[in-house]
Amino acid sequence: MSALRDALRDLPEAVFADLLESEDAYLLVVDLPGTTAETVDVSVTAGEIQVEALREKEVPEGFSYESEQRSLFLDADLPVPGDANGQEASASVDRGVLELRLPKGDEETVTTIAVEDA
């Protein structure tokens, strides 16, 4: 799990993430303001979690950007803990907060994870 914890430290400063662990699962919580289930893609393959998120934002009429500090896109590759079972992973987005649950079990090659609105 320390590889995942270290990788979270390398995320852009504007991205806040928490990693929680219980006896039977890991829970990755990532703040992605402005995202929905439709704008977040999560997959787990061969020991890697891929998170792609697009933040939707509108520019008020009559305004244009002079400076933009909040990124529109996150593309992060994070290591899967060795005892996590990505095959049984689940994800949801609620008000711009992604929660990815990785049950503990045998490490396996995994498919794309459906992200649902909570």
PDB file of N, CA and C in Angstrom:
ATOM      1  N   MET A   1       0.819  -1.190   0.000  1.00  0.00           N
ATOM      2  CA  MET A   1       0.000   0.000   0.000  1.00  0.00           C
ATOM      3  C   MET A   1       0.864   1.255   0.000  1.00  0.00           C
ATOM      4  N   SER A   2       2.091   1.176   0.458  1.00  0.00           N
ATOM      5  CA  SER A   2       2.926   2.374   0.520  1.00  0.00           C
ATOM      6  C   SER A   2       3.185   2.960  -0.861  1.00  0.00           C
ATOM      7  N   ALA A   3       3.220   2.135  -1.910  1.00  0.00           N
ATOM      8  CA  ALA A   3       3.405   2.667  -3.264  1.00  0.00           C
ATOM      9  C   ALA A   3       2.213   3.536  -3.662  1.00  0.00           C
ATOM     10  N   LEU A   4       1.015   3.112  -3.319  1.00  0.00           N
ATOM     11  CA  LEU A   4      -0.178   3.910  -3.614  1.00  0.00           C
ATOM     12  C   LEU A   4      -0.155   5.202  -2.800  1.00  0.00           C
ATOM     13  N   ARG A   5       0.172   5.109  -1.538  1.00  0.00           N
ATOM     14  CA  ARG A   5       0.249   6.302  -0.677  1.00  0.00           C
ATOM     15  C   ARG A   5       1.265   7.286  -1.252  1.00  0.00           C
ATOM     16  N   ASP A   6       2.420   6.803  -1.687  1.00  0.00           N
ATOM     17  CA  ASP A   6       3.439   7.671  -2.279  1.00  0.00           C
ATOM     18  C   ASP A   6       2.947   8.305  -3.575  1.00  0.00           C
ATOM     19  N   ALA A   7       2.234   7.533  -4.394  1.00  0.00           N
ATOM     20  CA  ALA A   7       1.723   8.059  -5.661  1.00  0.00           C
ATOM     21  C   ALA A   7       0.697   9.156  -5.430  1.00  0.00           C
ATOM     22  N   LEU A   8      -0.098   9.039  -4.376  1.00  0.00           N
ATOM     23  CA  LEU A   8      -1.087  10.077  -4.073  1.00  0.00           C
ATOM     24  C   LEU A   8      -0.407  11.403  -3.752  1.00  0.00           C
ATOM     25  N   ARG A   9       0.775  11.342  -3.168  1.00  0.00           N
ATOM     26  CA  ARG A   9       1.523  12.569  -2.862  1.00  0.00           C
ATOM     27  C   ARG A   9       1.988  13.270  -4.139  1.00  0.00           C
ATOM     28  N   ASP A  10       2.101  12.512  -5.244  1.00  0.00           N
ATOM     29  CA  ASP A  10       2.572  13.082  -6.501  1.00  0.00           C
ATOM     30  C   ASP A  10       1.455  13.661  -7.360  1.00  0.00           C
ATOM     31  N   LEU A  11       0.208  13.566  -6.901  1.00  0.00           N
ATOM     32  CA  LEU A  11      -0.898  14.167  -7.643  1.00  0.00           C
ATOM     33  C   LEU A  11      -0.738  15.687  -7.637  1.00  0.00           C
ATOM     34  N   PRO A  12      -1.329  16.373  -8.613  1.00  0.00           N
ATOM     35  CA  PRO A  12      -1.248  17.839  -8.614  1.00  0.00           C
ATOM     36  C   PRO A  12      -1.749  18.419  -7.290  1.00  0.00           C
ATOM     37  N   GLU A  13      -1.194  19.566  -6.890  1.00  0.00           N
ATOM     38  CA  GLU A  13      -1.547  20.182  -5.611  1.00  0.00           C
ATOM     39  C   GLU A  13      -3.039  20.454  -5.475  1.00  0.00           C
ATOM     40  N   ALA A  14      -3.720  20.678  -6.577  1.00  0.00           N
ATOM     41  CA  ALA A  14      -5.149  21.006  -6.535  1.00  0.00           C
ATOM     42  C   ALA A  14      -6.022  19.774  -6.328  1.00  0.00           C
ATOM     43  N   VAL A  15      -5.428  18.574  -6.352  1.00  0.00           N
ATOM     44  CA  VAL A  15      -6.197  17.340  -6.186  1.00  0.00           C
ATOM     45  C   VAL A  15      -5.977  16.822  -4.765  1.00  0.00           C
ATOM     46  N   PHE A  16      -7.079  16.665  -4.050  1.00  0.00           N
ATOM     47  CA  PHE A  16      -7.000  16.153  -2.681  1.00  0.00           C
ATOM     48  C   PHE A  16      -7.507  14.717  -2.670  1.00  0.00           C
ATOM     49  N   ALA A  17      -6.749  13.831  -2.040  1.00  0.00           N
ATOM     50  CA  ALA A  17      -7.117  12.415  -2.007  1.00  0.00           C
ATOM     51  C   ALA A  17      -6.823  11.834  -0.633  1.00  0.00           C
ATOM     52  N   ASP A  18      -7.694  10.918  -0.222  1.00  0.00           N
ATOM     53  CA  ASP A  18      -7.506  10.180   1.021  1.00  0.00           C
ATOM     54  C   ASP A  18      -7.488   8.700   0.702  1.00  0.00           C
ATOM     55  N   LEU A  19      -6.693   7.954   1.426  1.00  0.00           N
ATOM     56  CA  LEU A  19      -6.642   6.510   1.298  1.00  0.00           C
ATOM     57  C   LEU A  19      -6.977   5.914   2.652  1.00  0.00           C
ATOM     58  N   LEU A  20      -8.022   5.093   2.678  1.00  0.00           N
ATOM     59  CA  LEU A  20      -8.445   4.442   3.907  1.00  0.00           C
ATOM     60  C   LEU A  20      -8.308   2.932   3.739  1.00  0.00           C
ATOM     61  N   GLU A  21      -8.113   2.226   4.846  1.00  0.00           N
ATOM     62  CA  GLU A  21      -7.969   0.777   4.798  1.00  0.00           C
ATOM     63  C   GLU A  21      -8.754   0.151   5.945  1.00  0.00           C
ATOM     64  N   SER A  22      -9.473  -0.931   5.621  1.00  0.00           N
ATOM     65  CA  SER A  22     -10.137  -1.737   6.644  1.00  0.00           C
ATOM     66  C   SER A  22      -9.575  -3.147   6.529  1.00  0.00           C
ATOM     67  N   GLU A  23     -10.108  -4.063   7.290  1.00  0.00           N
ATOM     68  CA  GLU A  23      -9.633  -5.444   7.233  1.00  0.00           C
ATOM     69  C   GLU A  23      -9.901  -6.086   5.877  1.00  0.00           C
ATOM     70  N   ASP A  24     -10.969  -5.630   5.188  1.00  0.00           N
ATOM     71  CA  ASP A  24     -11.355  -6.306   3.956  1.00  0.00           C
ATOM     72  C   ASP A  24     -11.320  -5.441   2.700  1.00  0.00           C
ATOM     73  N   ALA A  25     -10.907  -4.154   2.801  1.00  0.00           N
ATOM     74  CA  ALA A  25     -10.923  -3.318   1.594  1.00  0.00           C
ATOM     75  C   ALA A  25     -10.069  -2.062   1.763  1.00  0.00           C
ATOM     76  N   TYR A  26      -9.787  -1.438   0.612  1.00  0.00           N
ATOM     77  CA  TYR A  26      -9.188  -0.109   0.558  1.00  0.00           C
ATOM     78  C   TYR A  26     -10.262   0.826   0.024  1.00  0.00           C
ATOM     79  N   LEU A  27     -10.238   2.068   0.458  1.00  0.00           N
ATOM     80  CA  LEU A  27     -11.156   3.076  -0.045  1.00  0.00           C
ATOM     81  C   LEU A  27     -10.337   4.295  -0.428  1.00  0.00           C
ATOM     82  N   LEU A  28     -10.364   4.622  -1.714  1.00  0.00           N
ATOM     83  CA  LEU A  28      -9.676   5.792  -2.229  1.00  0.00           C
ATOM     84  C   LEU A  28     -10.733   6.866  -2.454  1.00  0.00           C
ATOM     85  N   VAL A  29     -10.562   8.023  -1.819  1.00  0.00           N
ATOM     86  CA  VAL A  29     -11.504   9.133  -1.929  1.00  0.00           C
ATOM     87  C   VAL A  29     -10.755  10.304  -2.558  1.00  0.00           C
ATOM     88  N   VAL A  30     -11.250  10.774  -3.711  1.00  0.00           N
ATOM     89  CA  VAL A  30     -10.572  11.842  -4.448  1.00  0.00           C
ATOM     90  C   VAL A  30     -11.560  12.973  -4.702  1.00  0.00           C
ATOM     91  N   ASP A  31     -11.201  14.185  -4.287  1.00  0.00           N
ATOM     92  CA  ASP A  31     -12.032  15.351  -4.551  1.00  0.00           C
ATOM     93  C   ASP A  31     -11.814  15.795  -5.999  1.00  0.00           C
ATOM     94  N   LEU A  32     -12.889  15.772  -6.770  1.00  0.00           N
ATOM     95  CA  LEU A  32     -12.846  16.175  -8.175  1.00  0.00           C
ATOM     96  C   LEU A  32     -14.008  17.133  -8.443  1.00  0.00           C
ATOM     97  N   PRO A  33     -13.933  18.362  -7.905  1.00  0.00           N
ATOM     98  CA  PRO A  33     -15.045  19.295  -8.045  1.00  0.00           C
ATOM     99  C   PRO A  33     -15.457  19.485  -9.500  1.00  0.00           C
ATOM    100  N   GLY A  34     -16.762  19.525  -9.714  1.00  0.00           N
ATOM    101  CA  GLY A  34     -17.283  19.744 -11.060  1.00  0.00           C
ATOM    102  C   GLY A  34     -17.414  18.490 -11.891  1.00  0.00           C
ATOM    103  N   THR A  35     -17.086  17.317 -11.329  1.00  0.00           N
ATOM    104  CA  THR A  35     -17.202  16.076 -12.094  1.00  0.00           C
ATOM    105  C   THR A  35     -18.494  15.348 -11.750  1.00  0.00           C
ATOM    106  N   THR A  36     -18.882  14.472 -12.664  1.00  0.00           N
ATOM    107  CA  THR A  36     -20.032  13.595 -12.467  1.00  0.00           C
ATOM    108  C   THR A  36     -19.627  12.200 -12.907  1.00  0.00           C
ATOM    109  N   ALA A  37     -20.506  11.243 -12.715  1.00  0.00           N
ATOM    110  CA  ALA A  37     -20.216   9.876 -13.154  1.00  0.00           C
ATOM    111  C   ALA A  37     -19.946   9.834 -14.658  1.00  0.00           C
ATOM    112  N   GLU A  38     -20.581  10.718 -15.409  1.00  0.00           N
ATOM    113  CA  GLU A  38     -20.386  10.742 -16.858  1.00  0.00           C
ATOM    114  C   GLU A  38     -19.037  11.316 -17.275  1.00  0.00           C
ATOM    115  N   THR A  39     -18.400  12.080 -16.394  1.00  0.00           N
ATOM    116  CA  THR A  39     -17.140  12.723 -16.762  1.00  0.00           C
ATOM    117  C   THR A  39     -15.931  12.117 -16.059  1.00  0.00           C
ATOM    118  N   VAL A  40     -16.138  10.978 -15.366  1.00  0.00           N
ATOM    119  CA  VAL A  40     -15.040  10.284 -14.693  1.00  0.00           C
ATOM    120  C   VAL A  40     -14.953   8.853 -15.232  1.00  0.00           C
ATOM    121  N   ASP A  41     -13.767   8.443 -15.619  1.00  0.00           N
ATOM    122  CA  ASP A  41     -13.513   7.066 -16.038  1.00  0.00           C
ATOM    123  C   ASP A  41     -12.478   6.468 -15.100  1.00  0.00           C
ATOM    124  N   VAL A  42     -12.779   5.264 -14.608  1.00  0.00           N
ATOM    125  CA  VAL A  42     -11.859   4.563 -13.709  1.00  0.00           C
ATOM    126  C   VAL A  42     -11.689   3.147 -14.228  1.00  0.00           C
ATOM    127  N   SER A  43     -10.448   2.690 -14.289  1.00  0.00           N
ATOM    128  CA  SER A  43     -10.196   1.289 -14.637  1.00  0.00           C
ATOM    129  C   SER A  43      -9.024   0.785 -13.813  1.00  0.00           C
ATOM    130  N   VAL A  44      -8.990  -0.522 -13.643  1.00  0.00           N
ATOM    131  CA  VAL A  44      -7.899  -1.169 -12.927  1.00  0.00           C
ATOM    132  C   VAL A  44      -7.395  -2.296 -13.811  1.00  0.00           C
ATOM    133  N   THR A  45      -6.115  -2.244 -14.149  1.00  0.00           N
ATOM    134  CA  THR A  45      -5.519  -3.279 -14.991  1.00  0.00           C
ATOM    135  C   THR A  45      -4.104  -3.552 -14.517  1.00  0.00           C
ATOM    136  N   ALA A  46      -3.735  -4.797 -14.506  1.00  0.00           N
ATOM    137  CA  ALA A  46      -2.355  -5.226 -14.253  1.00  0.00           C
ATOM    138  C   ALA A  46      -1.643  -4.380 -13.195  1.00  0.00           C
ATOM    139  N   GLY A  47      -2.285  -4.237 -12.042  1.00  0.00           N
ATOM    140  CA  GLY A  47      -1.632  -3.553 -10.937  1.00  0.00           C
ATOM    141  C   GLY A  47      -1.669  -2.044 -10.981  1.00  0.00           C
ATOM    142  N   GLU A  48      -2.525  -1.460 -11.831  1.00  0.00           N
ATOM    143  CA  GLU A  48      -2.573  -0.011 -11.937  1.00  0.00           C
ATOM    144  C   GLU A  48      -4.017   0.485 -11.979  1.00  0.00           C
ATOM    145  N   ILE A  49      -4.272   1.551 -11.230  1.00  0.00           N
ATOM    146  CA  ILE A  49      -5.568   2.236 -11.255  1.00  0.00           C
ATOM    147  C   ILE A  49      -5.414   3.436 -12.183  1.00  0.00           C
ATOM    148  N   GLN A  50      -6.301   3.551 -13.165  1.00  0.00           N
ATOM    149  CA  GLN A  50      -6.290   4.719 -14.044  1.00  0.00           C
ATOM    150  C   GLN A  50      -7.543   5.541 -13.754  1.00  0.00           C
ATOM    151  N   VAL A  51      -7.330   6.821 -13.462  1.00  0.00           N
ATOM    152  CA  VAL A  51      -8.438   7.740 -13.214  1.00  0.00           C
ATOM    153  C   VAL A  51      -8.328   8.884 -14.215  1.00  0.00           C
ATOM    154  N   GLU A  52      -9.379   9.075 -14.991  1.00  0.00           N
ATOM    155  CA  GLU A  52      -9.466  10.211 -15.898  1.00  0.00           C
ATOM    156  C   GLU A  52     -10.726  10.971 -15.539  1.00  0.00           C
ATOM    157  N   ALA A  53     -10.588  12.256 -15.290  1.00  0.00           N
ATOM    158  CA  ALA A  53     -11.732  13.061 -14.892  1.00  0.00           C
ATOM    159  C   ALA A  53     -11.706  14.392 -15.626  1.00  0.00           C
ATOM    160  N   LEU A  54     -12.864  14.789 -16.111  1.00  0.00           N
ATOM    161  CA  LEU A  54     -13.025  16.063 -16.798  1.00  0.00           C
ATOM    162  C   LEU A  54     -13.960  16.924 -15.972  1.00  0.00           C
ATOM    163  N   ARG A  55     -13.473  18.066 -15.558  1.00  0.00           N
ATOM    164  CA  ARG A  55     -14.284  18.977 -14.761  1.00  0.00           C
ATOM    165  C   ARG A  55     -15.069  19.875 -15.700  1.00  0.00           C
ATOM    166  N   GLU A  56     -16.371  19.893 -15.506  1.00  0.00           N
ATOM    167  CA  GLU A  56     -17.226  20.762 -16.306  1.00  0.00           C
ATOM    168  C   GLU A  56     -17.306  22.114 -15.621  1.00  0.00           C
ATOM    169  N   LYS A  57     -17.088  23.153 -16.384  1.00  0.00           N
ATOM    170  CA  LYS A  57     -17.263  24.489 -15.831  1.00  0.00           C
ATOM    171  C   LYS A  57     -17.707  25.415 -16.944  1.00  0.00           C
ATOM    172  N   GLU A  58     -18.533  26.341 -16.564  1.00  0.00           N
ATOM    173  CA  GLU A  58     -19.064  27.298 -17.522  1.00  0.00           C
ATOM    174  C   GLU A  58     -18.488  28.670 -17.233  1.00  0.00           C
ATOM    175  N   VAL A  59     -18.272  29.420 -18.290  1.00  0.00           N
ATOM    176  CA  VAL A  59     -17.801  30.793 -18.153  1.00  0.00           C
ATOM    177  C   VAL A  59     -19.031  31.693 -18.259  1.00  0.00           C
ATOM    178  N   PRO A  60     -19.275  32.519 -17.253  1.00  0.00           N
ATOM    179  CA  PRO A  60     -20.430  33.409 -17.309  1.00  0.00           C
ATOM    180  C   PRO A  60     -20.378  34.309 -18.551  1.00  0.00           C
ATOM    181  N   GLU A  61     -21.534  34.604 -19.085  1.00  0.00           N
ATOM    182  CA  GLU A  61     -21.625  35.426 -20.288  1.00  0.00           C
ATOM    183  C   GLU A  61     -20.925  36.760 -20.054  1.00  0.00           C
ATOM    184  N   GLY A  62     -20.137  37.161 -21.036  1.00  0.00           N
ATOM    185  CA  GLY A  62     -19.423  38.424 -20.951  1.00  0.00           C
ATOM    186  C   GLY A  62     -18.059  38.316 -20.292  1.00  0.00           C
ATOM    187  N   PHE A  63     -17.702  37.129 -19.789  1.00  0.00           N
ATOM    188  CA  PHE A  63     -16.416  36.938 -19.129  1.00  0.00           C
ATOM    189  C   PHE A  63     -15.530  36.013 -19.951  1.00  0.00           C
ATOM    190  N   SER A  64     -14.223  36.188 -19.807  1.00  0.00           N
ATOM    191  CA  SER A  64     -13.243  35.264 -20.388  1.00  0.00           C
ATOM    192  C   SER A  64     -12.135  35.095 -19.357  1.00  0.00           C
ATOM    193  N   TYR A  65     -11.383  34.038 -19.496  1.00  0.00           N
ATOM    194  CA  TYR A  65     -10.323  33.758 -18.526  1.00  0.00           C
ATOM    195  C   TYR A  65      -9.125  34.668 -18.718  1.00  0.00           C
ATOM    196  N   GLU A  66      -8.694  35.289 -17.648  1.00  0.00           N
ATOM    197  CA  GLU A  66      -7.441  36.034 -17.596  1.00  0.00           C
ATOM    198  C   GLU A  66      -6.359  35.128 -17.028  1.00  0.00           C
ATOM    199  N   SER A  67      -6.765  34.312 -16.065  1.00  0.00           N
ATOM    200  CA  SER A  67      -5.881  33.360 -15.405  1.00  0.00           C
ATOM    201  C   SER A  67      -6.729  32.177 -14.984  1.00  0.00           C
ATOM    202  N   GLU A  68      -6.187  30.983 -15.141  1.00  0.00           N
ATOM    203  CA  GLU A  68      -6.927  29.781 -14.759  1.00  0.00           C
ATOM    204  C   GLU A  68      -6.034  28.915 -13.891  1.00  0.00           C
ATOM    205  N   GLN A  69      -6.441  28.693 -12.650  1.00  0.00           N
ATOM    206  CA  GLN A  69      -5.656  27.917 -11.717  1.00  0.00           C
ATOM    207  C   GLN A  69      -6.218  26.524 -11.480  1.00  0.00           C
ATOM    208  N   ARG A  70      -7.461  26.297 -11.891  1.00  0.00           N
ATOM    209  CA  ARG A  70      -8.112  25.017 -11.634  1.00  0.00           C
ATOM    210  C   ARG A  70      -8.114  24.190 -12.913  1.00  0.00           C
ATOM    211  N   SER A  71      -7.402  23.105 -12.891  1.00  0.00           N
ATOM    212  CA  SER A  71      -7.266  22.255 -14.071  1.00  0.00           C
ATOM    213  C   SER A  71      -8.609  21.688 -14.511  1.00  0.00           C
ATOM    214  N   LEU A  72      -8.763  21.533 -15.816  1.00  0.00           N
ATOM    215  CA  LEU A  72      -9.978  20.951 -16.370  1.00  0.00           C
ATOM    216  C   LEU A  72      -9.926  19.442 -16.433  1.00  0.00           C
ATOM    217  N   PHE A  73      -8.722  18.845 -16.370  1.00  0.00           N
ATOM    218  CA  PHE A  73      -8.591  17.423 -16.637  1.00  0.00           C
ATOM    219  C   PHE A  73      -7.591  16.786 -15.679  1.00  0.00           C
ATOM    220  N   LEU A  74      -7.938  15.605 -15.168  1.00  0.00           N
ATOM    221  CA  LEU A  74      -7.012  14.822 -14.354  1.00  0.00           C
ATOM    222  C   LEU A  74      -6.807  13.487 -15.047  1.00  0.00           C
ATOM    223  N   ASP A  75      -5.572  13.109 -15.243  1.00  0.00           N
ATOM    224  CA  ASP A  75      -5.216  11.817 -15.805  1.00  0.00           C
ATOM    225  C   ASP A  75      -4.147  11.239 -14.882  1.00  0.00           C
ATOM    226  N   ALA A  76      -4.561  10.303 -14.010  1.00  0.00           N
ATOM    227  CA  ALA A  76      -3.644   9.780 -13.002  1.00  0.00           C
ATOM    228  C   ALA A  76      -3.554   8.260 -13.098  1.00  0.00           C
ATOM    229  N   ASP A  77      -2.348   7.742 -12.992  1.00  0.00           N
ATOM    230  CA  ASP A  77      -2.092   6.310 -12.921  1.00  0.00           C
ATOM    231  C   ASP A  77      -1.508   6.032 -11.543  1.00  0.00           C
ATOM    232  N   LEU A  78      -2.191   5.163 -10.791  1.00  0.00           N
ATOM    233  CA  LEU A  78      -1.804   4.865  -9.416  1.00  0.00           C
ATOM    234  C   LEU A  78      -1.611   3.363  -9.252  1.00  0.00           C
ATOM    235  N   PRO A  79      -0.649   2.933  -8.450  1.00  0.00           N
ATOM    236  CA  PRO A  79      -0.446   1.496  -8.245  1.00  0.00           C
ATOM    237  C   PRO A  79      -1.549   0.886  -7.374  1.00  0.00           C
ATOM    238  N   VAL A  80      -1.934  -0.322  -7.712  1.00  0.00           N
ATOM    239  CA  VAL A  80      -2.921  -1.066  -6.922  1.00  0.00           C
ATOM    240  C   VAL A  80      -2.184  -1.785  -5.798  1.00  0.00           C
ATOM    241  N   PRO A  81      -2.698  -1.706  -4.578  1.00  0.00           N
ATOM    242  CA  PRO A  81      -2.074  -2.493  -3.504  1.00  0.00           C
ATOM    243  C   PRO A  81      -2.038  -3.974  -3.893  1.00  0.00           C
ATOM    244  N   GLY A  82      -0.976  -4.664  -3.544  1.00  0.00           N
ATOM    245  CA  GLY A  82      -0.779  -6.047  -3.951  1.00  0.00           C
ATOM    246  C   GLY A  82      -1.862  -7.007  -3.510  1.00  0.00           C
ATOM    247  N   ASP A  83      -2.555  -6.701  -2.435  1.00  0.00           N
ATOM    248  CA  ASP A  83      -3.588  -7.609  -1.951  1.00  0.00           C
ATOM    249  C   ASP A  83      -5.002  -7.152  -2.322  1.00  0.00           C
ATOM    250  N   ALA A  84      -5.106  -6.187  -3.254  1.00  0.00           N
ATOM    251  CA  ALA A  84      -6.426  -5.698  -3.674  1.00  0.00           C
ATOM    252  C   ALA A  84      -6.963  -6.518  -4.828  1.00  0.00           C
ATOM    253  N   ASN A  85      -8.282  -6.682  -4.850  1.00  0.00           N
ATOM    254  CA  ASN A  85      -8.966  -7.416  -5.913  1.00  0.00           C
ATOM    255  C   ASN A  85      -9.718  -6.418  -6.769  1.00  0.00           C
ATOM    256  N   GLY A  86      -9.113  -5.993  -7.852  1.00  0.00           N
ATOM    257  CA  GLY A  86      -9.744  -5.026  -8.741  1.00  0.00           C
ATOM    258  C   GLY A  86     -10.975  -5.557  -9.435  1.00  0.00           C
ATOM    259  N   GLN A  87     -11.089  -6.868  -9.582  1.00  0.00           N
ATOM    260  CA  GLN A  87     -12.238  -7.479 -10.239  1.00  0.00           C
ATOM    261  C   GLN A  87     -13.530  -7.140  -9.509  1.00  0.00           C
ATOM    262  N   GLU A  88     -13.457  -6.954  -8.207  1.00  0.00           N
ATOM    263  CA  GLU A  88     -14.636  -6.656  -7.401  1.00  0.00           C
ATOM    264  C   GLU A  88     -14.731  -5.172  -7.030  1.00  0.00           C
ATOM    265  N   ALA A  89     -13.931  -4.321  -7.653  1.00  0.00           N
ATOM    266  CA  ALA A  89     -13.911  -2.900  -7.326  1.00  0.00           C
ATOM    267  C   ALA A  89     -15.222  -2.223  -7.711  1.00  0.00           C
ATOM    268  N   SER A  90     -15.541  -1.141  -6.996  1.00  0.00           N
ATOM    269  CA  SER A  90     -16.715  -0.339  -7.317  1.00  0.00           C
ATOM    270  C   SER A  90     -16.357   1.128  -7.122  1.00  0.00           C
ATOM    271  N   ALA A  91     -17.070   2.004  -7.844  1.00  0.00           N
ATOM    272  CA  ALA A  91     -16.786   3.430  -7.758  1.00  0.00           C
ATOM    273  C   ALA A  91     -18.075   4.225  -7.867  1.00  0.00           C
ATOM    274  N   SER A  92     -18.072   5.376  -7.208  1.00  0.00           N
ATOM    275  CA  SER A  92     -19.209   6.293  -7.319  1.00  0.00           C
ATOM    276  C   SER A  92     -18.697   7.725  -7.201  1.00  0.00           C
ATOM    277  N   VAL A  93     -19.485   8.658  -7.733  1.00  0.00           N
ATOM    278  CA  VAL A  93     -19.186  10.079  -7.613  1.00  0.00           C
ATOM    279  C   VAL A  93     -20.401  10.744  -6.987  1.00  0.00           C
ATOM    280  N   ASP A  94     -20.165  11.483  -5.909  1.00  0.00           N
ATOM    281  CA  ASP A  94     -21.232  12.226  -5.258  1.00  0.00           C
ATOM    282  C   ASP A  94     -20.753  13.653  -5.044  1.00  0.00           C
ATOM    283  N   ARG A  95     -21.386  14.601  -5.701  1.00  0.00           N
ATOM    284  CA  ARG A  95     -21.033  16.022  -5.606  1.00  0.00           C
ATOM    285  C   ARG A  95     -19.540  16.257  -5.821  1.00  0.00           C
ATOM    286  N   GLY A  96     -18.993  15.613  -6.847  1.00  0.00           N
ATOM    287  CA  GLY A  96     -17.600  15.832  -7.196  1.00  0.00           C
ATOM    288  C   GLY A  96     -16.590  15.089  -6.346  1.00  0.00           C
ATOM    289  N   VAL A  97     -17.038  14.106  -5.576  1.00  0.00           N
ATOM    290  CA  VAL A  97     -16.115  13.298  -4.768  1.00  0.00           C
ATOM    291  C   VAL A  97     -16.176  11.864  -5.272  1.00  0.00           C
ATOM    292  N   LEU A  98     -15.056  11.374  -5.785  1.00  0.00           N
ATOM    293  CA  LEU A  98     -14.945   9.998  -6.270  1.00  0.00           C
ATOM    294  C   LEU A  98     -14.578   9.087  -5.109  1.00  0.00           C
ATOM    295  N   GLU A  99     -15.325   7.998  -4.958  1.00  0.00           N
ATOM    296  CA  GLU A  99     -14.978   6.966  -3.989  1.00  0.00           C
ATOM    297  C   GLU A  99     -14.764   5.663  -4.751  1.00  0.00           C
ATOM    298  N   LEU A 100     -13.562   5.128  -4.652  1.00  0.00           N
ATOM    299  CA  LEU A 100     -13.201   3.870  -5.299  1.00  0.00           C
ATOM    300  C   LEU A 100     -12.923   2.854  -4.202  1.00  0.00           C
ATOM    301  N   ARG A 101     -13.722   1.790  -4.178  1.00  0.00           N
ATOM    302  CA  ARG A 101     -13.570   0.732  -3.169  1.00  0.00           C
ATOM    303  C   ARG A 101     -12.901  -0.468  -3.836  1.00  0.00           C
ATOM    304  N   LEU A 102     -11.783  -0.891  -3.262  1.00  0.00           N
ATOM    305  CA  LEU A 102     -11.026  -2.045  -3.744  1.00  0.00           C
ATOM    306  C   LEU A 102     -11.009  -3.107  -2.653  1.00  0.00           C
ATOM    307  N   PRO A 103     -11.827  -4.146  -2.794  1.00  0.00           N
ATOM    308  CA  PRO A 103     -11.794  -5.218  -1.797  1.00  0.00           C
ATOM    309  C   PRO A 103     -10.425  -5.900  -1.789  1.00  0.00           C
ATOM    310  N   LYS A 104     -10.061  -6.425  -0.653  1.00  0.00           N
ATOM    311  CA  LYS A 104      -8.819  -7.182  -0.566  1.00  0.00           C
ATOM    312  C   LYS A 104      -9.079  -8.592  -1.063  1.00  0.00           C
ATOM    313  N   GLY A 105      -8.081  -9.186  -1.675  1.00  0.00           N
ATOM    314  CA  GLY A 105      -8.177 -10.533  -2.208  1.00  0.00           C
ATOM    315  C   GLY A 105      -6.997 -10.783  -3.114  1.00  0.00           C
ATOM    316  N   ASP A 106      -7.128 -11.741  -4.010  1.00  0.00           N
ATOM    317  CA  ASP A 106      -6.057 -12.042  -4.950  1.00  0.00           C
ATOM    318  C   ASP A 106      -5.933 -10.943  -5.983  1.00  0.00           C
ATOM    319  N   GLU A 107      -4.705 -10.620  -6.353  1.00  0.00           N
ATOM    320  CA  GLU A 107      -4.474  -9.634  -7.399  1.00  0.00           C
ATOM    321  C   GLU A 107      -4.875 -10.254  -8.729  1.00  0.00           C
ATOM    322  N   GLU A 108      -5.662  -9.538  -9.521  1.00  0.00           N
ATOM    323  CA  GLU A 108      -6.124 -10.042 -10.811  1.00  0.00           C
ATOM    324  C   GLU A 108      -6.113  -8.929 -11.840  1.00  0.00           C
ATOM    325  N   THR A 109      -6.065  -9.308 -13.125  1.00  0.00           N
ATOM    326  CA  THR A 109      -6.246  -8.343 -14.189  1.00  0.00           C
ATOM    327  C   THR A 109      -7.713  -7.972 -14.209  1.00  0.00           C
ATOM    328  N   VAL A 110      -8.002  -6.674 -14.374  1.00  0.00           N
ATOM    329  CA  VAL A 110      -9.361  -6.197 -14.170  1.00  0.00           C
ATOM    330  C   VAL A 110      -9.858  -5.383 -15.343  1.00  0.00           C
ATOM    331  N   THR A 111     -11.144  -5.230 -15.391  1.00  0.00           N
ATOM    332  CA  THR A 111     -11.820  -4.497 -16.441  1.00  0.00           C
ATOM    333  C   THR A 111     -12.145  -3.075 -15.981  1.00  0.00           C
ATOM    334  N   THR A 112     -12.804  -2.308 -16.830  1.00  0.00           N
ATOM    335  CA  THR A 112     -13.233  -0.960 -16.499  1.00  0.00           C
ATOM    336  C   THR A 112     -14.295  -1.012 -15.403  1.00  0.00           C
ATOM    337  N   ILE A 113     -14.267  -0.048 -14.505  1.00  0.00           N
ATOM    338  CA  ILE A 113     -15.182   0.019 -13.388  1.00  0.00           C
ATOM    339  C   ILE A 113     -16.257   1.047 -13.700  1.00  0.00           C
ATOM    340  N   ALA A 114     -17.514   0.677 -13.581  1.00  0.00           N
ATOM    341  CA  ALA A 114     -18.599   1.618 -13.818  1.00  0.00           C
ATOM    342  C   ALA A 114     -18.656   2.621 -12.661  1.00  0.00           C
ATOM    343  N   VAL A 115     -18.696   3.896 -12.983  1.00  0.00           N
ATOM    344  CA  VAL A 115     -18.800   4.938 -11.980  1.00  0.00           C
ATOM    345  C   VAL A 115     -20.251   5.404 -11.962  1.00  0.00           C
ATOM    346  N   GLU A 116     -20.864   5.409 -10.770  1.00  0.00           N
ATOM    347  CA  GLU A 116     -22.260   5.765 -10.632  1.00  0.00           C
ATOM    348  C   GLU A 116     -22.407   7.025  -9.815  1.00  0.00           C
ATOM    349  N   ASP A 117     -23.477   7.788 -10.071  1.00  0.00           N
ATOM    350  CA  ASP A 117     -23.818   8.887  -9.200  1.00  0.00           C
ATOM    351  C   ASP A 117     -24.320   8.310  -7.892  1.00  0.00           C
ATOM    352  N   ALA A 118     -23.875   8.855  -6.770  1.00  0.00           N
ATOM    353  CA  ALA A 118     -24.293   8.331  -5.474  1.00  0.00           C
ATOM    354  C   ALA A 118     -25.635   8.892  -5.064  1.00  0.00           C
TER     355      ALA A 118
END
